[in-house]
């Protein structure tokens, strides 16, 4: 069995790159030069996990896999501030056009609705923005994961920090931008460490979803420039860390995980009204849940709905038929009461 596959999506404008870093054998990416739109990345992730999408994705790069064999996990890492990363293993490359901002909220909703009883792991994290969304078993597994920049930087000074193993070279432990980058590397290390501690997650029947956004390289590029030694060293470190991160997750899930890396130099913001994600809404749809979750969907809802609907229609038709026949009934001919009364009168 092959260890992993790396599929690269490079943008036509040279501003973005999507890398499906690791994929199992039954998720097959074909070699070719077929572009895919950035806004279709959530649909592509959904298809790799075996979910249906609203609109067909006419893209030949991904072949249909076995119906009863789907990945146990999907990990998407967005790296801002770099055109591409030199990952050691590469199988195919695809151009990515229209690199607009996107989220995996729709995929997370699908996972939660289909596998609500199995409590799958759904983790969406952006350390630079201190944005975190957890669902299902992720609340228990990643409760000790540092989220805010202050927590992550404090983690760098503790035992097991990546500072002891990374070749920093030109990077400084005191510079703000350098610490942001190193903090994001620390988050990747801590995620794999927590998953190794909770290996039972990879043995359940529900797929897990991870979405991470890293912007440390963007800050280094803005501060030092792309030709600076700090930026080059950070790019090399991140490429090595992401490769190891993907291989660790792939192994933890029994060679049944898809790891994608999206490298974006700059996002193209479309001239449209910006909508807010329902996962970020402040309105609590379920007062009993502190995580702004919807009420649990009951899979018997469709069955009960159809039973009640057609029973009401049948009863309504029965009432109409009975009412029509009563209205047009001849009491002297159709009614047995009047018929017996008439016979008694005649006998008298």
C-alpha atoms as a PDB file:
ATOM      1  CA  UNK A   1       0.000   0.000   0.000  1.00  0.00           C
ATOM      2  CA  UNK A   2       1.335   3.387  -0.855  1.00  0.00           C
ATOM      3  CA  UNK A   3       1.911   5.702   2.075  1.00  0.00           C
ATOM      4  CA  UNK A   4       0.319   8.851   0.789  1.00  0.00           C
ATOM      5  CA  UNK A   5      -0.520  11.022  -2.181  1.00  0.00           C
ATOM      6  CA  UNK A   6       0.105  14.714  -2.671  1.00  0.00           C
ATOM      7  CA  UNK A   7      -2.119  16.612  -5.071  1.00  0.00           C
ATOM      8  CA  UNK A   8      -1.287  20.245  -5.778  1.00  0.00           C
ATOM      9  CA  UNK A   9      -3.645  22.964  -7.020  1.00  0.00           C
ATOM     10  CA  UNK A  10      -1.781  26.082  -8.182  1.00  0.00           C
ATOM     11  CA  UNK A  11      -3.658  29.214  -9.141  1.00  0.00           C
ATOM     12  CA  UNK A  12      -3.554  30.604 -12.663  1.00  0.00           C
ATOM     13  CA  UNK A  13      -2.853  34.059 -11.285  1.00  0.00           C
ATOM     14  CA  UNK A  14      -0.071  32.741  -9.061  1.00  0.00           C
ATOM     15  CA  UNK A  15      -1.787  33.737  -5.831  1.00  0.00           C
ATOM     16  CA  UNK A  16      -3.013  30.470  -4.373  1.00  0.00           C
ATOM     17  CA  UNK A  17      -2.311  26.775  -4.198  1.00  0.00           C
ATOM     18  CA  UNK A  18      -4.382  23.857  -2.963  1.00  0.00           C
ATOM     19  CA  UNK A  19      -2.483  20.732  -1.946  1.00  0.00           C
ATOM     20  CA  UNK A  20      -4.222  17.490  -1.127  1.00  0.00           C
ATOM     21  CA  UNK A  21      -1.224  16.424   0.879  1.00  0.00           C
ATOM     22  CA  UNK A  22      -2.204  12.882   1.806  1.00  0.00           C
ATOM     23  CA  UNK A  23      -5.014  10.623   0.651  1.00  0.00           C
ATOM     24  CA  UNK A  24      -5.770   6.900   0.915  1.00  0.00           C
ATOM     25  CA  UNK A  25      -5.772   4.639  -2.124  1.00  0.00           C
ATOM     26  CA  UNK A  26      -9.546   4.701  -2.546  1.00  0.00           C
ATOM     27  CA  UNK A  27      -9.527   8.529  -2.920  1.00  0.00           C
ATOM     28  CA  UNK A  28      -8.007   8.838  -6.372  1.00  0.00           C
ATOM     29  CA  UNK A  29      -6.754  12.123  -7.839  1.00  0.00           C
ATOM     30  CA  UNK A  30      -5.878  12.043 -11.530  1.00  0.00           C
ATOM     31  CA  UNK A  31      -2.912  13.768 -13.106  1.00  0.00           C
ATOM     32  CA  UNK A  32      -3.821  16.667 -15.349  1.00  0.00           C
ATOM     33  CA  UNK A  33      -4.116  20.433 -15.681  1.00  0.00           C
ATOM     34  CA  UNK A  34      -7.778  20.897 -14.752  1.00  0.00           C
ATOM     35  CA  UNK A  35      -8.477  24.150 -12.879  1.00  0.00           C
ATOM     36  CA  UNK A  36     -10.869  24.240  -9.944  1.00  0.00           C
ATOM     37  CA  UNK A  37     -12.486  27.351  -8.495  1.00  0.00           C
ATOM     38  CA  UNK A  38     -11.603  28.354  -4.961  1.00  0.00           C
ATOM     39  CA  UNK A  39     -15.250  28.592  -3.968  1.00  0.00           C
ATOM     40  CA  UNK A  40     -15.663  24.910  -4.889  1.00  0.00           C
ATOM     41  CA  UNK A  41     -13.122  23.696  -2.338  1.00  0.00           C
ATOM     42  CA  UNK A  42     -15.827  22.940   0.285  1.00  0.00           C
ATOM     43  CA  UNK A  43     -17.665  20.850  -2.326  1.00  0.00           C
ATOM     44  CA  UNK A  44     -14.432  19.034  -3.147  1.00  0.00           C
ATOM     45  CA  UNK A  45     -13.866  18.273   0.537  1.00  0.00           C
ATOM     46  CA  UNK A  46     -17.448  17.018   0.837  1.00  0.00           C
ATOM     47  CA  UNK A  47     -16.998  14.688  -2.140  1.00  0.00           C
ATOM     48  CA  UNK A  48     -13.767  13.241  -0.764  1.00  0.00           C
ATOM     49  CA  UNK A  49     -15.667  12.405   2.431  1.00  0.00           C
ATOM     50  CA  UNK A  50     -18.441  10.712   0.467  1.00  0.00           C
ATOM     51  CA  UNK A  51     -21.122  13.390   0.973  1.00  0.00           C
ATOM     52  CA  UNK A  52     -23.470  14.692  -1.680  1.00  0.00           C
ATOM     53  CA  UNK A  53     -23.428  18.331  -2.774  1.00  0.00           C
ATOM     54  CA  UNK A  54     -26.149  20.632  -4.057  1.00  0.00           C
ATOM     55  CA  UNK A  55     -24.570  21.276  -7.460  1.00  0.00           C
ATOM     56  CA  UNK A  56     -22.599  18.781  -9.512  1.00  0.00           C
ATOM     57  CA  UNK A  57     -18.840  19.402  -9.566  1.00  0.00           C
ATOM     58  CA  UNK A  58     -17.809  18.768 -13.156  1.00  0.00           C
ATOM     59  CA  UNK A  59     -14.107  18.385 -12.397  1.00  0.00           C
ATOM     60  CA  UNK A  60     -12.294  15.292 -13.682  1.00  0.00           C
ATOM     61  CA  UNK A  61      -9.417  15.490 -11.209  1.00  0.00           C
ATOM     62  CA  UNK A  62     -11.234  13.457  -8.557  1.00  0.00           C
ATOM     63  CA  UNK A  63     -12.476  10.002  -9.471  1.00  0.00           C
ATOM     64  CA  UNK A  64     -15.481   8.381  -7.839  1.00  0.00           C
ATOM     65  CA  UNK A  65     -14.365   5.972  -5.155  1.00  0.00           C
ATOM     66  CA  UNK A  66     -15.935   2.875  -3.587  1.00  0.00           C
ATOM     67  CA  UNK A  67     -19.427   3.453  -2.249  1.00  0.00           C
ATOM     68  CA  UNK A  68     -18.816   1.754   1.097  1.00  0.00           C
ATOM     69  CA  UNK A  69     -15.238   2.915   1.698  1.00  0.00           C
ATOM     70  CA  UNK A  70     -14.776   6.532   2.708  1.00  0.00           C
ATOM     71  CA  UNK A  71     -12.061   8.421   4.651  1.00  0.00           C
ATOM     72  CA  UNK A  72     -12.360   8.522   8.410  1.00  0.00           C
ATOM     73  CA  UNK A  73     -11.065  12.083   8.607  1.00  0.00           C
ATOM     74  CA  UNK A  74     -10.432  15.153   6.487  1.00  0.00           C
ATOM     75  CA  UNK A  75      -7.921  17.817   7.488  1.00  0.00           C
ATOM     76  CA  UNK A  76      -7.742  21.137   5.646  1.00  0.00           C
ATOM     77  CA  UNK A  77      -4.896  23.550   6.455  1.00  0.00           C
ATOM     78  CA  UNK A  78      -4.979  27.051   4.948  1.00  0.00           C
ATOM     79  CA  UNK A  79      -1.562  28.764   4.818  1.00  0.00           C
ATOM     80  CA  UNK A  80      -1.671  32.462   4.010  1.00  0.00           C
ATOM     81  CA  UNK A  81       1.247  34.466   2.658  1.00  0.00           C
ATOM     82  CA  UNK A  82       2.936  31.972   0.322  1.00  0.00           C
ATOM     83  CA  UNK A  83       2.372  30.856  -3.267  1.00  0.00           C
ATOM     84  CA  UNK A  84       3.396  27.251  -2.731  1.00  0.00           C
ATOM     85  CA  UNK A  85       5.224  24.963  -0.358  1.00  0.00           C
ATOM     86  CA  UNK A  86       7.868  22.449  -1.421  1.00  0.00           C
ATOM     87  CA  UNK A  87       6.325  19.351   0.106  1.00  0.00           C
ATOM     88  CA  UNK A  88       8.551  16.284  -0.249  1.00  0.00           C
ATOM     89  CA  UNK A  89       5.937  14.084  -1.910  1.00  0.00           C
ATOM     90  CA  UNK A  90       3.863  15.231  -4.865  1.00  0.00           C
ATOM     91  CA  UNK A  91       1.658  13.237  -7.220  1.00  0.00           C
ATOM     92  CA  UNK A  92      -0.458  15.710  -9.196  1.00  0.00           C
ATOM     93  CA  UNK A  93      -0.841  19.462  -9.594  1.00  0.00           C
ATOM     94  CA  UNK A  94      -3.942  21.453 -10.526  1.00  0.00           C
ATOM     95  CA  UNK A  95      -4.430  25.194 -11.089  1.00  0.00           C
ATOM     96  CA  UNK A  96      -6.699  26.972  -8.647  1.00  0.00           C
ATOM     97  CA  UNK A  97      -8.620  29.888 -10.085  1.00  0.00           C
ATOM     98  CA  UNK A  98     -10.598  32.557  -8.259  1.00  0.00           C
ATOM     99  CA  UNK A  99      -9.005  32.074  -4.802  1.00  0.00           C
ATOM    100  CA  UNK A 100     -11.771  33.635  -2.693  1.00  0.00           C
ATOM    101  CA  UNK A 101     -12.185  33.158   1.076  1.00  0.00           C
ATOM    102  CA  UNK A 102     -14.129  30.041   1.995  1.00  0.00           C
ATOM    103  CA  UNK A 103     -15.165  28.003   5.017  1.00  0.00           C
ATOM    104  CA  UNK A 104     -16.079  24.394   5.657  1.00  0.00           C
ATOM    105  CA  UNK A 105     -19.223  25.302   7.592  1.00  0.00           C
ATOM    106  CA  UNK A 106     -21.443  23.416   5.143  1.00  0.00           C
ATOM    107  CA  UNK A 107     -19.333  20.264   5.495  1.00  0.00           C
ATOM    108  CA  UNK A 108     -19.353  20.611   9.290  1.00  0.00           C
ATOM    109  CA  UNK A 109     -23.149  20.896   9.273  1.00  0.00           C
ATOM    110  CA  UNK A 110     -23.411  17.777   7.114  1.00  0.00           C
ATOM    111  CA  UNK A 111     -21.152  15.789   9.451  1.00  0.00           C
ATOM    112  CA  UNK A 112     -23.106  16.945  12.487  1.00  0.00           C
ATOM    113  CA  UNK A 113     -26.533  16.224  10.969  1.00  0.00           C
ATOM    114  CA  UNK A 114     -25.656  12.764   9.644  1.00  0.00           C
ATOM    115  CA  UNK A 115     -23.612  11.540  12.605  1.00  0.00           C
ATOM    116  CA  UNK A 116     -25.083  13.474  15.528  1.00  0.00           C
ATOM    117  CA  UNK A 117     -25.526  10.351  17.663  1.00  0.00           C
ATOM    118  CA  UNK A 118     -21.891   9.279  17.128  1.00  0.00           C
ATOM    119  CA  UNK A 119     -20.550  12.729  18.166  1.00  0.00           C
ATOM    120  CA  UNK A 120     -17.831  13.128  15.492  1.00  0.00           C
ATOM    121  CA  UNK A 121     -14.872  15.466  15.951  1.00  0.00           C
ATOM    122  CA  UNK A 122     -15.278  18.843  14.224  1.00  0.00           C
ATOM    123  CA  UNK A 123     -12.486  21.351  14.859  1.00  0.00           C
ATOM    124  CA  UNK A 124     -12.100  24.731  13.141  1.00  0.00           C
ATOM    125  CA  UNK A 125      -9.222  26.855  14.397  1.00  0.00           C
ATOM    126  CA  UNK A 126      -7.499  30.105  13.369  1.00  0.00           C
ATOM    127  CA  UNK A 127      -4.841  30.971  16.001  1.00  0.00           C
ATOM    128  CA  UNK A 128      -4.014  34.425  14.623  1.00  0.00           C
ATOM    129  CA  UNK A 129      -7.665  35.471  14.915  1.00  0.00           C
ATOM    130  CA  UNK A 130      -8.183  33.488  18.141  1.00  0.00           C
ATOM    131  CA  UNK A 131     -11.177  31.868  16.442  1.00  0.00           C
ATOM    132  CA  UNK A 132     -12.201  28.399  17.569  1.00  0.00           C
ATOM    133  CA  UNK A 133     -15.204  26.182  16.843  1.00  0.00           C
ATOM    134  CA  UNK A 134     -15.474  22.694  18.294  1.00  0.00           C
ATOM    135  CA  UNK A 135     -18.236  20.139  18.037  1.00  0.00           C
ATOM    136  CA  UNK A 136     -18.852  16.619  19.295  1.00  0.00           C
ATOM    137  CA  UNK A 137     -15.929  14.777  20.866  1.00  0.00           C
ATOM    138  CA  UNK A 138     -13.609  17.687  20.075  1.00  0.00           C
ATOM    139  CA  UNK A 139     -14.905  19.467  23.191  1.00  0.00           C
ATOM    140  CA  UNK A 140     -13.382  16.771  25.393  1.00  0.00           C
ATOM    141  CA  UNK A 141     -10.301  15.944  23.332  1.00  0.00           C
ATOM    142  CA  UNK A 142      -9.085  19.488  22.646  1.00  0.00           C
ATOM    143  CA  UNK A 143     -10.208  21.179  25.853  1.00  0.00           C
ATOM    144  CA  UNK A 144      -6.529  21.654  26.813  1.00  0.00           C
ATOM    145  CA  UNK A 145      -5.519  22.980  23.380  1.00  0.00           C
ATOM    146  CA  UNK A 146      -4.158  26.540  23.667  1.00  0.00           C
ATOM    147  CA  UNK A 147      -6.390  28.867  21.669  1.00  0.00           C
ATOM    148  CA  UNK A 148      -5.463  32.497  22.299  1.00  0.00           C
ATOM    149  CA  UNK A 149      -2.093  33.875  21.278  1.00  0.00           C
ATOM    150  CA  UNK A 150      -1.223  34.455  24.911  1.00  0.00           C
ATOM    151  CA  UNK A 151      -1.906  30.807  25.752  1.00  0.00           C
ATOM    152  CA  UNK A 152       0.063  29.549  22.761  1.00  0.00           C
ATOM    153  CA  UNK A 153       3.065  31.731  23.523  1.00  0.00           C
ATOM    154  CA  UNK A 154       3.010  30.524  27.103  1.00  0.00           C
ATOM    155  CA  UNK A 155       2.961  26.987  25.730  1.00  0.00           C
ATOM    156  CA  UNK A 156       6.212  27.697  23.846  1.00  0.00           C
ATOM    157  CA  UNK A 157       8.045  28.087  27.157  1.00  0.00           C
ATOM    158  CA  UNK A 158       6.750  24.807  28.615  1.00  0.00           C
ATOM    159  CA  UNK A 159       8.034  21.262  28.310  1.00  0.00           C
ATOM    160  CA  UNK A 160       7.506  19.672  24.914  1.00  0.00           C
ATOM    161  CA  UNK A 161       7.791  22.970  23.063  1.00  0.00           C
ATOM    162  CA  UNK A 162       8.760  22.900  19.398  1.00  0.00           C
ATOM    163  CA  UNK A 163      11.478  25.468  20.082  1.00  0.00           C
ATOM    164  CA  UNK A 164      13.711  22.682  21.369  1.00  0.00           C
ATOM    165  CA  UNK A 165      13.502  20.678  18.148  1.00  0.00           C
ATOM    166  CA  UNK A 166      13.133  23.238  15.347  1.00  0.00           C
ATOM    167  CA  UNK A 167      16.131  24.758  13.539  1.00  0.00           C
ATOM    168  CA  UNK A 168      15.220  28.425  14.051  1.00  0.00           C
ATOM    169  CA  UNK A 169      18.254  29.800  12.156  1.00  0.00           C
ATOM    170  CA  UNK A 170      17.331  33.441  11.448  1.00  0.00           C
ATOM    171  CA  UNK A 171      14.038  33.357  13.365  1.00  0.00           C
ATOM    172  CA  UNK A 172      13.966  35.088  16.733  1.00  0.00           C
ATOM    173  CA  UNK A 173      12.174  34.035  19.908  1.00  0.00           C
ATOM    174  CA  UNK A 174      11.579  37.664  20.859  1.00  0.00           C
ATOM    175  CA  UNK A 175      10.120  39.099  17.635  1.00  0.00           C
ATOM    176  CA  UNK A 176       6.327  39.337  17.530  1.00  0.00           C
ATOM    177  CA  UNK A 177       5.882  38.027  13.967  1.00  0.00           C
ATOM    178  CA  UNK A 178       8.328  35.186  14.561  1.00  0.00           C
ATOM    179  CA  UNK A 179       6.450  34.129  17.698  1.00  0.00           C
ATOM    180  CA  UNK A 180       3.162  34.104  15.790  1.00  0.00           C
ATOM    181  CA  UNK A 181       4.602  31.715  13.233  1.00  0.00           C
ATOM    182  CA  UNK A 182       6.164  29.477  15.890  1.00  0.00           C
ATOM    183  CA  UNK A 183       2.895  29.493  17.828  1.00  0.00           C
ATOM    184  CA  UNK A 184       1.043  28.075  14.827  1.00  0.00           C
ATOM    185  CA  UNK A 185       3.661  25.360  14.452  1.00  0.00           C
ATOM    186  CA  UNK A 186       3.158  24.577  18.132  1.00  0.00           C
ATOM    187  CA  UNK A 187      -0.612  24.197  17.567  1.00  0.00           C
ATOM    188  CA  UNK A 188      -0.019  21.611  14.841  1.00  0.00           C
ATOM    189  CA  UNK A 189       2.303  19.701  17.154  1.00  0.00           C
ATOM    190  CA  UNK A 190      -0.205  19.793  20.032  1.00  0.00           C
ATOM    191  CA  UNK A 191      -3.079  18.586  17.830  1.00  0.00           C
ATOM    192  CA  UNK A 192      -1.190  15.457  16.796  1.00  0.00           C
ATOM    193  CA  UNK A 193      -0.074  14.905  20.402  1.00  0.00           C
ATOM    194  CA  UNK A 194      -3.688  15.064  21.640  1.00  0.00           C
ATOM    195  CA  UNK A 195      -4.843  12.735  18.860  1.00  0.00           C
ATOM    196  CA  UNK A 196      -2.162  10.212  19.799  1.00  0.00           C
ATOM    197  CA  UNK A 197      -3.440  10.384  23.373  1.00  0.00           C
ATOM    198  CA  UNK A 198      -7.013   9.708  22.195  1.00  0.00           C
ATOM    199  CA  UNK A 199      -6.481   7.049  19.549  1.00  0.00           C
ATOM    200  CA  UNK A 200     -10.010   5.744  20.026  1.00  0.00           C
ATOM    201  CA  UNK A 201     -11.297   8.612  17.878  1.00  0.00           C
ATOM    202  CA  UNK A 202      -9.990   6.918  14.753  1.00  0.00           C
ATOM    203  CA  UNK A 203     -11.841   3.690  15.492  1.00  0.00           C
ATOM    204  CA  UNK A 204     -15.431   4.944  15.457  1.00  0.00           C
ATOM    205  CA  UNK A 205     -17.718   4.990  12.430  1.00  0.00           C
ATOM    206  CA  UNK A 206     -18.189   8.757  12.164  1.00  0.00           C
ATOM    207  CA  UNK A 207     -15.838  10.866  10.003  1.00  0.00           C
ATOM    208  CA  UNK A 208     -13.914  13.707  11.621  1.00  0.00           C
ATOM    209  CA  UNK A 209     -13.293  17.168  10.163  1.00  0.00           C
ATOM    210  CA  UNK A 210     -10.421  19.544  10.920  1.00  0.00           C
ATOM    211  CA  UNK A 211      -9.990  23.035   9.465  1.00  0.00           C
ATOM    212  CA  UNK A 212      -6.948  25.128  10.396  1.00  0.00           C
ATOM    213  CA  UNK A 213      -5.895  28.566   9.163  1.00  0.00           C
ATOM    214  CA  UNK A 214      -2.283  29.737   9.535  1.00  0.00           C
ATOM    215  CA  UNK A 215      -1.203  33.308   8.823  1.00  0.00           C
ATOM    216  CA  UNK A 216       2.273  33.413  10.358  1.00  0.00           C
ATOM    217  CA  UNK A 217       4.016  33.413   6.972  1.00  0.00           C
ATOM    218  CA  UNK A 218       1.858  36.348   5.878  1.00  0.00           C
ATOM    219  CA  UNK A 219       3.076  38.404   8.833  1.00  0.00           C
ATOM    220  CA  UNK A 220       6.705  37.437   8.169  1.00  0.00           C
ATOM    221  CA  UNK A 221       6.337  38.419   4.523  1.00  0.00           C
ATOM    222  CA  UNK A 222       4.814  41.727   5.489  1.00  0.00           C
ATOM    223  CA  UNK A 223       7.526  42.504   8.041  1.00  0.00           C
ATOM    224  CA  UNK A 224      10.701  41.111   6.490  1.00  0.00           C
ATOM    225  CA  UNK A 225       9.823  40.576   2.815  1.00  0.00           C
ATOM    226  CA  UNK A 226       9.782  37.404   0.741  1.00  0.00           C
ATOM    227  CA  UNK A 227      13.518  37.577   0.022  1.00  0.00           C
ATOM    228  CA  UNK A 228      14.463  37.739   3.687  1.00  0.00           C
ATOM    229  CA  UNK A 229      16.203  34.804   5.412  1.00  0.00           C
ATOM    230  CA  UNK A 230      13.449  34.754   8.052  1.00  0.00           C
ATOM    231  CA  UNK A 231      10.778  34.138   5.425  1.00  0.00           C
ATOM    232  CA  UNK A 232      12.821  31.453   3.646  1.00  0.00           C
ATOM    233  CA  UNK A 233      13.629  29.642   6.892  1.00  0.00           C
ATOM    234  CA  UNK A 234       9.984  29.786   8.019  1.00  0.00           C
ATOM    235  CA  UNK A 235       8.793  28.432   4.666  1.00  0.00           C
ATOM    236  CA  UNK A 236      11.176  25.489   4.887  1.00  0.00           C
ATOM    237  CA  UNK A 237      10.183  24.780   8.496  1.00  0.00           C
ATOM    238  CA  UNK A 238       6.457  24.910   7.723  1.00  0.00           C
ATOM    239  CA  UNK A 239       6.797  22.602   4.720  1.00  0.00           C
ATOM    240  CA  UNK A 240       8.595  20.031   6.856  1.00  0.00           C
ATOM    241  CA  UNK A 241       6.149  20.400   9.757  1.00  0.00           C
ATOM    242  CA  UNK A 242       3.083  20.079   7.517  1.00  0.00           C
ATOM    243  CA  UNK A 243       4.482  16.969   5.871  1.00  0.00           C
ATOM    244  CA  UNK A 244       5.067  15.341   9.267  1.00  0.00           C
ATOM    245  CA  UNK A 245       1.686  16.565  10.520  1.00  0.00           C
ATOM    246  CA  UNK A 246      -0.073  14.975   7.553  1.00  0.00           C
ATOM    247  CA  UNK A 247       1.792  11.692   7.915  1.00  0.00           C
ATOM    248  CA  UNK A 248       1.023  11.516  11.647  1.00  0.00           C
ATOM    249  CA  UNK A 249      -2.701  12.141  11.147  1.00  0.00           C
ATOM    250  CA  UNK A 250      -2.747   9.687   8.242  1.00  0.00           C
ATOM    251  CA  UNK A 251      -1.178   6.998  10.413  1.00  0.00           C
ATOM    252  CA  UNK A 252      -3.405   7.714  13.418  1.00  0.00           C
ATOM    253  CA  UNK A 253      -6.524   7.151  11.309  1.00  0.00           C
ATOM    254  CA  UNK A 254      -5.248   3.870   9.946  1.00  0.00           C
ATOM    255  CA  UNK A 255      -4.221   5.195   6.510  1.00  0.00           C
ATOM    256  CA  UNK A 256      -7.772   6.458   5.997  1.00  0.00           C
ATOM    257  CA  UNK A 257      -7.474  10.235   6.179  1.00  0.00           C
ATOM    258  CA  UNK A 258      -7.254  13.035   3.615  1.00  0.00           C
ATOM    259  CA  UNK A 259      -4.977  15.991   4.441  1.00  0.00           C
ATOM    260  CA  UNK A 260      -5.242  19.089   2.256  1.00  0.00           C
ATOM    261  CA  UNK A 261      -3.078  22.209   2.355  1.00  0.00           C
ATOM    262  CA  UNK A 262      -4.205  25.479   0.763  1.00  0.00           C
ATOM    263  CA  UNK A 263      -1.471  28.062   0.259  1.00  0.00           C
ATOM    264  CA  UNK A 264      -2.818  31.522  -0.500  1.00  0.00           C
ATOM    265  CA  UNK A 265      -0.649  34.566  -1.126  1.00  0.00           C
ATOM    266  CA  UNK A 266      -3.634  36.924  -1.133  1.00  0.00           C
ATOM    267  CA  UNK A 267      -7.331  36.183  -1.156  1.00  0.00           C
ATOM    268  CA  UNK A 268      -9.380  37.786  -3.893  1.00  0.00           C
ATOM    269  CA  UNK A 269     -12.278  39.465  -2.116  1.00  0.00           C
ATOM    270  CA  UNK A 270     -15.325  39.436  -4.453  1.00  0.00           C
ATOM    271  CA  UNK A 271     -17.436  42.551  -4.887  1.00  0.00           C
ATOM    272  CA  UNK A 272     -20.461  41.041  -3.185  1.00  0.00           C
ATOM    273  CA  UNK A 273     -22.260  41.520   0.077  1.00  0.00           C
ATOM    274  CA  UNK A 274     -20.400  39.714   2.820  1.00  0.00           C
ATOM    275  CA  UNK A 275     -22.611  37.196   4.596  1.00  0.00           C
ATOM    276  CA  UNK A 276     -21.965  35.978   8.090  1.00  0.00           C
ATOM    277  CA  UNK A 277     -21.583  32.306   8.816  1.00  0.00           C
ATOM    278  CA  UNK A 278     -24.335  30.736  10.886  1.00  0.00           C
ATOM    279  CA  UNK A 279     -21.637  29.156  13.040  1.00  0.00           C
ATOM    280  CA  UNK A 280     -20.570  32.650  14.093  1.00  0.00           C
ATOM    281  CA  UNK A 281     -24.079  33.886  14.801  1.00  0.00           C
ATOM    282  CA  UNK A 282     -24.672  35.212  18.305  1.00  0.00           C
ATOM    283  CA  UNK A 283     -28.279  34.060  18.369  1.00  0.00           C
ATOM    284  CA  UNK A 284     -28.663  30.860  20.314  1.00  0.00           C
ATOM    285  CA  UNK A 285     -31.089  28.590  18.468  1.00  0.00           C
ATOM    286  CA  UNK A 286     -30.935  25.995  21.231  1.00  0.00           C
ATOM    287  CA  UNK A 287     -30.936  27.645  24.682  1.00  0.00           C
ATOM    288  CA  UNK A 288     -29.871  24.365  26.289  1.00  0.00           C
ATOM    289  CA  UNK A 289     -26.598  24.288  24.315  1.00  0.00           C
ATOM    290  CA  UNK A 290     -23.782  26.781  25.057  1.00  0.00           C
ATOM    291  CA  UNK A 291     -22.204  26.152  21.639  1.00  0.00           C
ATOM    292  CA  UNK A 292     -24.970  27.691  19.494  1.00  0.00           C
ATOM    293  CA  UNK A 293     -26.006  24.302  18.119  1.00  0.00           C
ATOM    294  CA  UNK A 294     -29.281  23.540  16.438  1.00  0.00           C
ATOM    295  CA  UNK A 295     -31.680  21.028  17.857  1.00  0.00           C
ATOM    296  CA  UNK A 296     -30.823  17.412  17.121  1.00  0.00           C
ATOM    297  CA  UNK A 297     -32.331  16.101  13.927  1.00  0.00           C
ATOM    298  CA  UNK A 298     -34.405  12.953  14.334  1.00  0.00           C
ATOM    299  CA  UNK A 299     -34.012  10.528  11.446  1.00  0.00           C
ATOM    300  CA  UNK A 300     -37.646   9.372  11.964  1.00  0.00           C
ATOM    301  CA  UNK A 301     -38.893  12.861  11.174  1.00  0.00           C
ATOM    302  CA  UNK A 302     -39.487  12.139   7.477  1.00  0.00           C
ATOM    303  CA  UNK A 303     -41.346   8.904   8.250  1.00  0.00           C
ATOM    304  CA  UNK A 304     -43.602  10.494  10.876  1.00  0.00           C
ATOM    305  CA  UNK A 305     -44.241  13.490   8.647  1.00  0.00           C
ATOM    306  CA  UNK A 306     -45.390  11.305   5.744  1.00  0.00           C
ATOM    307  CA  UNK A 307     -47.599   9.163   7.992  1.00  0.00           C
ATOM    308  CA  UNK A 308     -49.353  12.190   9.472  1.00  0.00           C
ATOM    309  CA  UNK A 309     -49.658  13.957   6.105  1.00  0.00           C
ATOM    310  CA  UNK A 310     -51.233  11.084   4.162  1.00  0.00           C
ATOM    311  CA  UNK A 311     -53.445  10.053   7.095  1.00  0.00           C
ATOM    312  CA  UNK A 312     -54.858  13.583   7.235  1.00  0.00           C
ATOM    313  CA  UNK A 313     -55.463  13.549   3.484  1.00  0.00           C
ATOM    314  CA  UNK A 314     -57.210  10.155   3.697  1.00  0.00           C
ATOM    315  CA  UNK A 315     -59.429  11.294   6.585  1.00  0.00           C
ATOM    316  CA  UNK A 316     -60.301  14.508   4.776  1.00  0.00           C
ATOM    317  CA  UNK A 317     -61.328  12.576   1.644  1.00  0.00           C
ATOM    318  CA  UNK A 318     -63.382  10.172   3.777  1.00  0.00           C
ATOM    319  CA  UNK A 319     -65.254  13.042   5.452  1.00  0.00           C
ATOM    320  CA  UNK A 320     -65.971  14.622   2.065  1.00  0.00           C
ATOM    321  CA  UNK A 321     -67.269  11.341   0.638  1.00  0.00           C
ATOM    322  CA  UNK A 322     -69.504  10.631   3.638  1.00  0.00           C
ATOM    323  CA  UNK A 323     -70.854  14.177   3.660  1.00  0.00           C
ATOM    324  CA  UNK A 324     -71.652  14.021  -0.050  1.00  0.00           C
ATOM    325  CA  UNK A 325     -73.526  10.733   0.287  1.00  0.00           C
ATOM    326  CA  UNK A 326     -75.522  11.936   3.310  1.00  0.00           C
ATOM    327  CA  UNK A 327     -76.495  15.109   1.504  1.00  0.00           C
ATOM    328  CA  UNK A 328     -77.770  13.234  -1.546  1.00  0.00           C
ATOM    329  CA  UNK A 329     -79.435  10.362   0.373  1.00  0.00           C
ATOM    330  CA  UNK A 330     -83.161   9.565  -0.181  1.00  0.00           C
ATOM    331  CA  UNK A 331     -84.569   8.862   3.317  1.00  0.00           C
ATOM    332  CA  UNK A 332     -87.447   6.758   2.001  1.00  0.00           C
ATOM    333  CA  UNK A 333     -85.212   4.563  -0.103  1.00  0.00           C
ATOM    334  CA  UNK A 334     -81.760   4.555   1.399  1.00  0.00           C
ATOM    335  CA  UNK A 335     -82.545   4.700   5.109  1.00  0.00           C
ATOM    336  CA  UNK A 336     -83.533   1.443   6.846  1.00  0.00           C
ATOM    337  CA  UNK A 337     -85.242   3.415   9.637  1.00  0.00           C
ATOM    338  CA  UNK A 338     -87.685   5.137   7.343  1.00  0.00           C
ATOM    339  CA  UNK A 339     -88.163   1.940   5.339  1.00  0.00           C
ATOM    340  CA  UNK A 340     -89.241  -0.088   8.410  1.00  0.00           C
ATOM    341  CA  UNK A 341     -91.483   2.746   9.588  1.00  0.00           C
ATOM    342  CA  UNK A 342     -93.317   2.807   6.247  1.00  0.00           C
ATOM    343  CA  UNK A 343     -93.900  -0.978   6.391  1.00  0.00           C
ATOM    344  CA  UNK A 344     -95.341  -0.726   9.937  1.00  0.00           C
ATOM    345  CA  UNK A 345     -97.749   1.992   8.866  1.00  0.00           C
ATOM    346  CA  UNK A 346     -98.976  -0.138   5.962  1.00  0.00           C
ATOM    347  CA  UNK A 347     -99.580  -3.156   8.251  1.00  0.00           C
ATOM    348  CA  UNK A 348    -101.696  -1.008  10.580  1.00  0.00           C
END
